[in-house]
């Protein structure tokens, strides 16, 4: 693998995502490698009565996130087309 994803799959590599800056750089390079315009890493928090989306890393503008809302982001993250 020559993509940034190789960092996550290589046990021999000394490279690790040790900071938020590393994570941002990783996603920026991965997005460029696959031709994606944007990315968002969402952590799902399962509360008693609902699922909440916590955005870990994203290159979306703040207004776009506010416009669609975290509830829709959570529904997308839990949908059948997401990994």
PDB file of N, CA and C in Angstrom:
ATOM      1  N   UNK A   1       0.834  -1.174   0.000  1.00  0.00           N
ATOM      2  CA  UNK A   1       0.000   0.000   0.000  1.00  0.00           C
ATOM      3  C   UNK A   1       0.880   1.239   0.000  1.00  0.00           C
ATOM      4  N   UNK A   2       0.565   2.150  -0.879  1.00  0.00           N
ATOM      5  CA  UNK A   2       1.333   3.389  -0.906  1.00  0.00           C
ATOM      6  C   UNK A   2       0.521   4.571  -0.391  1.00  0.00           C
ATOM      7  N   UNK A   3      -0.697   4.344   0.010  1.00  0.00           N
ATOM      8  CA  UNK A   3      -1.559   5.418   0.501  1.00  0.00           C
ATOM      9  C   UNK A   3      -1.327   5.648   1.989  1.00  0.00           C
ATOM     10  N   UNK A   4      -1.874   6.733   2.512  1.00  0.00           N
ATOM     11  CA  UNK A   4      -1.750   6.978   3.952  1.00  0.00           C
ATOM     12  C   UNK A   4      -2.393   5.879   4.787  1.00  0.00           C
ATOM     13  N   UNK A   5      -3.327   5.140   4.202  1.00  0.00           N
ATOM     14  CA  UNK A   5      -3.965   4.051   4.943  1.00  0.00           C
ATOM     15  C   UNK A   5      -2.950   2.996   5.342  1.00  0.00           C
ATOM     16  N   UNK A   6      -1.829   2.927   4.626  1.00  0.00           N
ATOM     17  CA  UNK A   6      -0.784   1.968   4.966  1.00  0.00           C
ATOM     18  C   UNK A   6      -0.251   2.211   6.368  1.00  0.00           C
ATOM     19  N   UNK A   7      -0.317   3.448   6.840  1.00  0.00           N
ATOM     20  CA  UNK A   7       0.130   3.768   8.198  1.00  0.00           C
ATOM     21  C   UNK A   7      -0.661   2.950   9.212  1.00  0.00           C
ATOM     22  N   UNK A   8      -1.940   2.808   8.973  1.00  0.00           N
ATOM     23  CA  UNK A   8      -2.795   2.097   9.915  1.00  0.00           C
ATOM     24  C   UNK A   8      -2.656   0.591   9.811  1.00  0.00           C
ATOM     25  N   UNK A   9      -2.190   0.082   8.657  1.00  0.00           N
ATOM     26  CA  UNK A   9      -2.120  -1.354   8.435  1.00  0.00           C
ATOM     27  C   UNK A   9      -0.728  -1.931   8.638  1.00  0.00           C
ATOM     28  N   UNK A  10       0.265  -1.115   8.775  1.00  0.00           N
ATOM     29  CA  UNK A  10       1.636  -1.590   8.877  1.00  0.00           C
ATOM     30  C   UNK A  10       2.084  -1.624  10.327  1.00  0.00           C
ATOM     31  N   UNK A  11       2.314  -2.823  10.836  1.00  0.00           N
ATOM     32  CA  UNK A  11       2.820  -2.951  12.202  1.00  0.00           C
ATOM     33  C   UNK A  11       4.298  -2.598  12.269  1.00  0.00           C
ATOM     34  N   UNK A  12       5.012  -2.744  11.145  1.00  0.00           N
ATOM     35  CA  UNK A  12       6.444  -2.473  11.117  1.00  0.00           C
ATOM     36  C   UNK A  12       6.732  -0.977  11.102  1.00  0.00           C
ATOM     37  N   UNK A  13       5.769  -0.202  10.679  1.00  0.00           N
ATOM     38  CA  UNK A  13       5.971   1.240  10.569  1.00  0.00           C
ATOM     39  C   UNK A  13       6.035   1.877  11.947  1.00  0.00           C
ATOM     40  N   UNK A  14       6.980   2.792  12.113  1.00  0.00           N
ATOM     41  CA  UNK A  14       7.071   3.528  13.363  1.00  0.00           C
ATOM     42  C   UNK A  14       6.121   4.707  13.389  1.00  0.00           C
ATOM     43  N   UNK A  15       5.468   4.971  12.254  1.00  0.00           N
ATOM     44  CA  UNK A  15       4.557   6.106  12.154  1.00  0.00           C
ATOM     45  C   UNK A  15       3.239   5.793  12.841  1.00  0.00           C
ATOM     46  N   UNK A  16       2.791   6.730  13.633  1.00  0.00           N
ATOM     47  CA  UNK A  16       1.503   6.615  14.304  1.00  0.00           C
ATOM     48  C   UNK A  16       0.822   7.974  14.254  1.00  0.00           C
ATOM     49  N   UNK A  17      -0.476   7.939  14.381  1.00  0.00           N
ATOM     50  CA  UNK A  17      -1.239   9.179  14.461  1.00  0.00           C
ATOM     51  C   UNK A  17      -1.254   9.591  15.928  1.00  0.00           C
ATOM     52  N   UNK A  18      -0.314  10.445  16.300  1.00  0.00           N
ATOM     53  CA  UNK A  18      -0.106  10.777  17.706  1.00  0.00           C
ATOM     54  C   UNK A  18      -0.761  12.087  18.134  1.00  0.00           C
ATOM     55  N   UNK A  19      -1.252  12.862  17.180  1.00  0.00           N
ATOM     56  CA  UNK A  19      -1.840  14.151  17.536  1.00  0.00           C
ATOM     57  C   UNK A  19      -2.990  14.471  16.589  1.00  0.00           C
ATOM     58  N   UNK A  20      -3.734  15.505  16.931  1.00  0.00           N
ATOM     59  CA  UNK A  20      -4.813  15.956  16.042  1.00  0.00           C
ATOM     60  C   UNK A  20      -4.249  16.429  14.712  1.00  0.00           C
ATOM     61  N   UNK A  21      -3.066  17.039  14.745  1.00  0.00           N
ATOM     62  CA  UNK A  21      -2.409  17.471  13.516  1.00  0.00           C
ATOM     63  C   UNK A  21      -2.074  16.296  12.617  1.00  0.00           C
ATOM     64  N   UNK A  22      -1.596  15.194  13.225  1.00  0.00           N
ATOM     65  CA  UNK A  22      -1.315  13.979  12.456  1.00  0.00           C
ATOM     66  C   UNK A  22      -2.592  13.440  11.826  1.00  0.00           C
ATOM     67  N   UNK A  23      -3.678  13.452  12.591  1.00  0.00           N
ATOM     68  CA  UNK A  23      -4.960  12.959  12.097  1.00  0.00           C
ATOM     69  C   UNK A  23      -5.460  13.811  10.938  1.00  0.00           C
ATOM     70  N   UNK A  24      -5.360  15.119  11.078  1.00  0.00           N
ATOM     71  CA  UNK A  24      -5.773  16.027  10.009  1.00  0.00           C
ATOM     72  C   UNK A  24      -4.939  15.809   8.757  1.00  0.00           C
ATOM     73  N   UNK A  25      -3.630  15.697   8.918  1.00  0.00           N
ATOM     74  CA  UNK A  25      -2.752  15.451   7.767  1.00  0.00           C
ATOM     75  C   UNK A  25      -3.082  14.133   7.093  1.00  0.00           C
ATOM     76  N   UNK A  26      -3.338  13.103   7.899  1.00  0.00           N
ATOM     77  CA  UNK A  26      -3.699  11.791   7.369  1.00  0.00           C
ATOM     78  C   UNK A  26      -4.956  11.879   6.510  1.00  0.00           C
ATOM     79  N   UNK A  27      -6.009  12.516   7.043  1.00  0.00           N
ATOM     80  CA  UNK A  27      -7.258  12.609   6.293  1.00  0.00           C
ATOM     81  C   UNK A  27      -7.138  13.498   5.065  1.00  0.00           C
ATOM     82  N   UNK A  28      -6.356  14.556   5.148  1.00  0.00           N
ATOM     83  CA  UNK A  28      -6.153  15.412   3.975  1.00  0.00           C
ATOM     84  C   UNK A  28      -5.465  14.630   2.855  1.00  0.00           C
ATOM     85  N   UNK A  29      -4.435  13.855   3.197  1.00  0.00           N
ATOM     86  CA  UNK A  29      -3.721  13.072   2.194  1.00  0.00           C
ATOM     87  C   UNK A  29      -4.597  11.943   1.664  1.00  0.00           C
ATOM     88  N   UNK A  30      -5.323  11.267   2.548  1.00  0.00           N
ATOM     89  CA  UNK A  30      -6.211  10.189   2.128  1.00  0.00           C
ATOM     90  C   UNK A  30      -7.292  10.716   1.191  1.00  0.00           C
ATOM     91  N   UNK A  31      -7.872  11.861   1.517  1.00  0.00           N
ATOM     92  CA  UNK A  31      -8.887  12.474   0.655  1.00  0.00           C
ATOM     93  C   UNK A  31      -8.314  12.787  -0.717  1.00  0.00           C
ATOM     94  N   UNK A  32      -7.110  13.329  -0.750  1.00  0.00           N
ATOM     95  CA  UNK A  32      -6.461  13.637  -2.029  1.00  0.00           C
ATOM     96  C   UNK A  32      -6.192  12.363  -2.819  1.00  0.00           C
ATOM     97  N   UNK A  33      -5.757  11.307  -2.137  1.00  0.00           N
ATOM     98  CA  UNK A  33      -5.447  10.042  -2.812  1.00  0.00           C
ATOM     99  C   UNK A  33      -6.667   9.410  -3.467  1.00  0.00           C
ATOM    100  N   UNK A  34      -7.829   9.545  -2.839  1.00  0.00           N
ATOM    101  CA  UNK A  34      -9.029   8.908  -3.393  1.00  0.00           C
ATOM    102  C   UNK A  34      -9.907   9.878  -4.170  1.00  0.00           C
ATOM    103  N   UNK A  35      -9.484  11.124  -4.266  1.00  0.00           N
ATOM    104  CA  UNK A  35     -10.226  12.113  -5.041  1.00  0.00           C
ATOM    105  C   UNK A  35     -11.453  12.660  -4.341  1.00  0.00           C
ATOM    106  N   UNK A  36     -11.458  12.608  -3.015  1.00  0.00           N
ATOM    107  CA  UNK A  36     -12.594  13.135  -2.250  1.00  0.00           C
ATOM    108  C   UNK A  36     -12.386  14.619  -1.967  1.00  0.00           C
ATOM    109  N   UNK A  37     -13.463  15.371  -2.009  1.00  0.00           N
ATOM    110  CA  UNK A  37     -13.392  16.796  -1.700  1.00  0.00           C
ATOM    111  C   UNK A  37     -13.435  17.069  -0.203  1.00  0.00           C
ATOM    112  N   UNK A  38     -14.078  16.179   0.533  1.00  0.00           N
ATOM    113  CA  UNK A  38     -14.239  16.436   1.958  1.00  0.00           C
ATOM    114  C   UNK A  38     -14.203  15.133   2.743  1.00  0.00           C
ATOM    115  N   UNK A  39     -14.033  15.278   4.048  1.00  0.00           N
ATOM    116  CA  UNK A  39     -14.006  14.123   4.939  1.00  0.00           C
ATOM    117  C   UNK A  39     -14.599  14.522   6.285  1.00  0.00           C
ATOM    118  N   UNK A  40     -15.068  13.511   7.006  1.00  0.00           N
ATOM    119  CA  UNK A  40     -15.537  13.731   8.367  1.00  0.00           C
ATOM    120  C   UNK A  40     -15.411  12.412   9.118  1.00  0.00           C
ATOM    121  N   UNK A  41     -14.742  12.452  10.257  1.00  0.00           N
ATOM    122  CA  UNK A  41     -14.658  11.305  11.150  1.00  0.00           C
ATOM    123  C   UNK A  41     -15.583  11.589  12.319  1.00  0.00           C
ATOM    124  N   UNK A  42     -16.558  10.705  12.507  1.00  0.00           N
ATOM    125  CA  UNK A  42     -17.587  10.904  13.524  1.00  0.00           C
ATOM    126  C   UNK A  42     -17.506   9.774  14.544  1.00  0.00           C
ATOM    127  N   UNK A  43     -17.512  10.127  15.806  1.00  0.00           N
ATOM    128  CA  UNK A  43     -17.612   9.141  16.880  1.00  0.00           C
ATOM    129  C   UNK A  43     -19.064   9.129  17.344  1.00  0.00           C
ATOM    130  N   UNK A  44     -19.649   7.953  17.371  1.00  0.00           N
ATOM    131  CA  UNK A  44     -21.031   7.833  17.819  1.00  0.00           C
ATOM    132  C   UNK A  44     -21.050   7.536  19.314  1.00  0.00           C
ATOM    133  N   UNK A  45     -21.781   8.351  20.044  1.00  0.00           N
ATOM    134  CA  UNK A  45     -21.948   8.170  21.479  1.00  0.00           C
ATOM    135  C   UNK A  45     -23.375   7.701  21.698  1.00  0.00           C
ATOM    136  N   UNK A  46     -23.514   6.544  22.303  1.00  0.00           N
ATOM    137  CA  UNK A  46     -24.839   5.965  22.514  1.00  0.00           C
ATOM    138  C   UNK A  46     -25.310   6.292  23.924  1.00  0.00           C
ATOM    139  N   UNK A  47     -26.263   7.214  23.997  1.00  0.00           N
ATOM    140  CA  UNK A  47     -26.854   7.585  25.275  1.00  0.00           C
ATOM    141  C   UNK A  47     -28.070   6.704  25.532  1.00  0.00           C
ATOM    142  N   UNK A  48     -28.741   6.953  26.637  1.00  0.00           N
ATOM    143  CA  UNK A  48     -29.904   6.152  27.005  1.00  0.00           C
ATOM    144  C   UNK A  48     -31.024   6.234  25.976  1.00  0.00           C
ATOM    145  N   UNK A  49     -31.304   7.436  25.497  1.00  0.00           N
ATOM    146  CA  UNK A  49     -32.463   7.601  24.629  1.00  0.00           C
ATOM    147  C   UNK A  49     -32.129   7.999  23.195  1.00  0.00           C
ATOM    148  N   UNK A  50     -30.857   8.231  22.876  1.00  0.00           N
ATOM    149  CA  UNK A  50     -30.531   8.633  21.509  1.00  0.00           C
ATOM    150  C   UNK A  50     -29.051   8.411  21.223  1.00  0.00           C
ATOM    151  N   UNK A  51     -28.725   8.496  19.936  1.00  0.00           N
ATOM    152  CA  UNK A  51     -27.341   8.433  19.494  1.00  0.00           C
ATOM    153  C   UNK A  51     -26.875   9.846  19.183  1.00  0.00           C
ATOM    154  N   UNK A  52     -25.699  10.187  19.642  1.00  0.00           N
ATOM    155  CA  UNK A  52     -25.158  11.521  19.444  1.00  0.00           C
ATOM    156  C   UNK A  52     -23.882  11.425  18.621  1.00  0.00           C
ATOM    157  N   UNK A  53     -23.742  12.332  17.656  1.00  0.00           N
ATOM    158  CA  UNK A  53     -22.547  12.369  16.814  1.00  0.00           C
ATOM    159  C   UNK A  53     -21.564  13.377  17.380  1.00  0.00           C
ATOM    160  N   UNK A  54     -20.348  12.935  17.570  1.00  0.00           N
ATOM    161  CA  UNK A  54     -19.267  13.838  17.972  1.00  0.00           C
ATOM    162  C   UNK A  54     -18.250  13.859  16.844  1.00  0.00           C
ATOM    163  N   UNK A  55     -18.013  15.022  16.302  1.00  0.00           N
ATOM    164  CA  UNK A  55     -17.108  15.162  15.164  1.00  0.00           C
ATOM    165  C   UNK A  55     -15.676  15.207  15.686  1.00  0.00           C
ATOM    166  N   UNK A  56     -14.886  14.227  15.252  1.00  0.00           N
ATOM    167  CA  UNK A  56     -13.497  14.117  15.683  1.00  0.00           C
ATOM    168  C   UNK A  56     -12.591  14.922  14.763  1.00  0.00           C
ATOM    169  N   UNK A  57     -12.823  14.792  13.462  1.00  0.00           N
ATOM    170  CA  UNK A  57     -12.010  15.502  12.474  1.00  0.00           C
ATOM    171  C   UNK A  57     -12.854  15.724  11.230  1.00  0.00           C
ATOM    172  N   UNK A  58     -12.725  16.902  10.639  1.00  0.00           N
ATOM    173  CA  UNK A  58     -13.524  17.233   9.468  1.00  0.00           C
ATOM    174  C   UNK A  58     -12.925  18.429   8.747  1.00  0.00           C
ATOM    175  N   UNK A  59     -13.146  18.479   7.436  1.00  0.00           N
ATOM    176  CA  UNK A  59     -12.769  19.691   6.705  1.00  0.00           C
ATOM    177  C   UNK A  59     -14.017  20.412   6.192  1.00  0.00           C
ATOM    178  N   UNK A  60     -15.173  20.070   6.748  1.00  0.00           N
ATOM    179  CA  UNK A  60     -16.405  20.783   6.432  1.00  0.00           C
ATOM    180  C   UNK A  60     -16.345  22.153   7.096  1.00  0.00           C
ATOM    181  N   UNK A  61     -16.994  23.121   6.479  1.00  0.00           N
ATOM    182  CA  UNK A  61     -17.072  24.424   7.126  1.00  0.00           C
ATOM    183  C   UNK A  61     -18.111  24.353   8.255  1.00  0.00           C
ATOM    184  N   UNK A  62     -17.900  25.144   9.272  1.00  0.00           N
ATOM    185  CA  UNK A  62     -18.753  25.128  10.458  1.00  0.00           C
ATOM    186  C   UNK A  62     -20.219  25.344  10.098  1.00  0.00           C
ATOM    187  N   UNK A  63     -20.486  26.274   9.198  1.00  0.00           N
ATOM    188  CA  UNK A  63     -21.872  26.586   8.829  1.00  0.00           C
ATOM    189  C   UNK A  63     -22.577  25.391   8.198  1.00  0.00           C
ATOM    190  N   UNK A  64     -21.866  24.589   7.424  1.00  0.00           N
ATOM    191  CA  UNK A  64     -22.477  23.402   6.810  1.00  0.00           C
ATOM    192  C   UNK A  64     -22.866  22.391   7.880  1.00  0.00           C
ATOM    193  N   UNK A  65     -22.001  22.212   8.858  1.00  0.00           N
ATOM    194  CA  UNK A  65     -22.303  21.286   9.955  1.00  0.00           C
ATOM    195  C   UNK A  65     -23.510  21.783  10.741  1.00  0.00           C
ATOM    196  N   UNK A  66     -23.544  23.069  11.035  1.00  0.00           N
ATOM    197  CA  UNK A  66     -24.669  23.643  11.771  1.00  0.00           C
ATOM    198  C   UNK A  66     -25.964  23.564  10.962  1.00  0.00           C
ATOM    199  N   UNK A  67     -25.865  23.758   9.653  1.00  0.00           N
ATOM    200  CA  UNK A  67     -27.047  23.748   8.795  1.00  0.00           C
ATOM    201  C   UNK A  67     -27.708  22.373   8.752  1.00  0.00           C
ATOM    202  N   UNK A  68     -26.918  21.322   8.566  1.00  0.00           N
ATOM    203  CA  UNK A  68     -27.538  19.995   8.482  1.00  0.00           C
ATOM    204  C   UNK A  68     -27.793  19.395   9.854  1.00  0.00           C
ATOM    205  N   UNK A  69     -27.022  19.784  10.844  1.00  0.00           N
ATOM    206  CA  UNK A  69     -27.258  19.340  12.209  1.00  0.00           C
ATOM    207  C   UNK A  69     -26.607  18.007  12.538  1.00  0.00           C
ATOM    208  N   UNK A  70     -26.293  17.859  13.811  1.00  0.00           N
ATOM    209  CA  UNK A  70     -25.630  16.640  14.262  1.00  0.00           C
ATOM    210  C   UNK A  70     -26.556  15.429  14.234  1.00  0.00           C
ATOM    211  N   UNK A  71     -27.852  15.661  14.319  1.00  0.00           N
ATOM    212  CA  UNK A  71     -28.786  14.529  14.254  1.00  0.00           C
ATOM    213  C   UNK A  71     -28.725  13.865  12.883  1.00  0.00           C
ATOM    214  N   UNK A  72     -28.715  14.667  11.805  1.00  0.00           N
ATOM    215  CA  UNK A  72     -28.605  14.101  10.459  1.00  0.00           C
ATOM    216  C   UNK A  72     -27.241  13.449  10.264  1.00  0.00           C
ATOM    217  N   UNK A  73     -26.195  14.067  10.788  1.00  0.00           N
ATOM    218  CA  UNK A  73     -24.861  13.467  10.699  1.00  0.00           C
ATOM    219  C   UNK A  73     -24.851  12.112  11.404  1.00  0.00           C
ATOM    220  N   UNK A  74     -25.481  12.025  12.566  1.00  0.00           N
ATOM    221  CA  UNK A  74     -25.573  10.751  13.287  1.00  0.00           C
ATOM    222  C   UNK A  74     -26.331   9.722  12.468  1.00  0.00           C
ATOM    223  N   UNK A  75     -27.445  10.119  11.859  1.00  0.00           N
ATOM    224  CA  UNK A  75     -28.219   9.190  11.032  1.00  0.00           C
ATOM    225  C   UNK A  75     -27.412   8.706   9.833  1.00  0.00           C
ATOM    226  N   UNK A  76     -26.643   9.605   9.223  1.00  0.00           N
ATOM    227  CA  UNK A  76     -25.783   9.203   8.105  1.00  0.00           C
ATOM    228  C   UNK A  76     -24.702   8.233   8.573  1.00  0.00           C
ATOM    229  N   UNK A  77     -24.114   8.517   9.725  1.00  0.00           N
ATOM    230  CA  UNK A  77     -23.048   7.656  10.252  1.00  0.00           C
ATOM    231  C   UNK A  77     -23.561   6.265  10.593  1.00  0.00           C
ATOM    232  N   UNK A  78     -24.815   6.171  10.973  1.00  0.00           N
ATOM    233  CA  UNK A  78     -25.401   4.873  11.322  1.00  0.00           C
ATOM    234  C   UNK A  78     -26.051   4.177  10.134  1.00  0.00           C
ATOM    235  N   UNK A  79     -26.051   4.826   8.973  1.00  0.00           N
ATOM    236  CA  UNK A  79     -26.700   4.277   7.786  1.00  0.00           C
ATOM    237  C   UNK A  79     -25.957   3.104   7.177  1.00  0.00           C
ATOM    238  N   UNK A  80     -26.606   2.423   6.240  1.00  0.00           N
ATOM    239  CA  UNK A  80     -26.036   1.212   5.637  1.00  0.00           C
ATOM    240  C   UNK A  80     -24.861   1.469   4.689  1.00  0.00           C
ATOM    241  N   UNK A  81     -24.649   2.696   4.251  1.00  0.00           N
ATOM    242  CA  UNK A  81     -23.590   2.974   3.284  1.00  0.00           C
ATOM    243  C   UNK A  81     -22.302   3.482   3.919  1.00  0.00           C
ATOM    244  N   UNK A  82     -22.233   3.535   5.232  1.00  0.00           N
ATOM    245  CA  UNK A  82     -21.031   4.026   5.902  1.00  0.00           C
ATOM    246  C   UNK A  82     -20.246   2.866   6.483  1.00  0.00           C
ATOM    247  N   UNK A  83     -18.940   3.090   6.602  1.00  0.00           N
ATOM    248  CA  UNK A  83     -18.074   2.022   7.123  1.00  0.00           C
ATOM    249  C   UNK A  83     -17.788   2.232   8.582  1.00  0.00           C
TER     250      UNK A  83
END
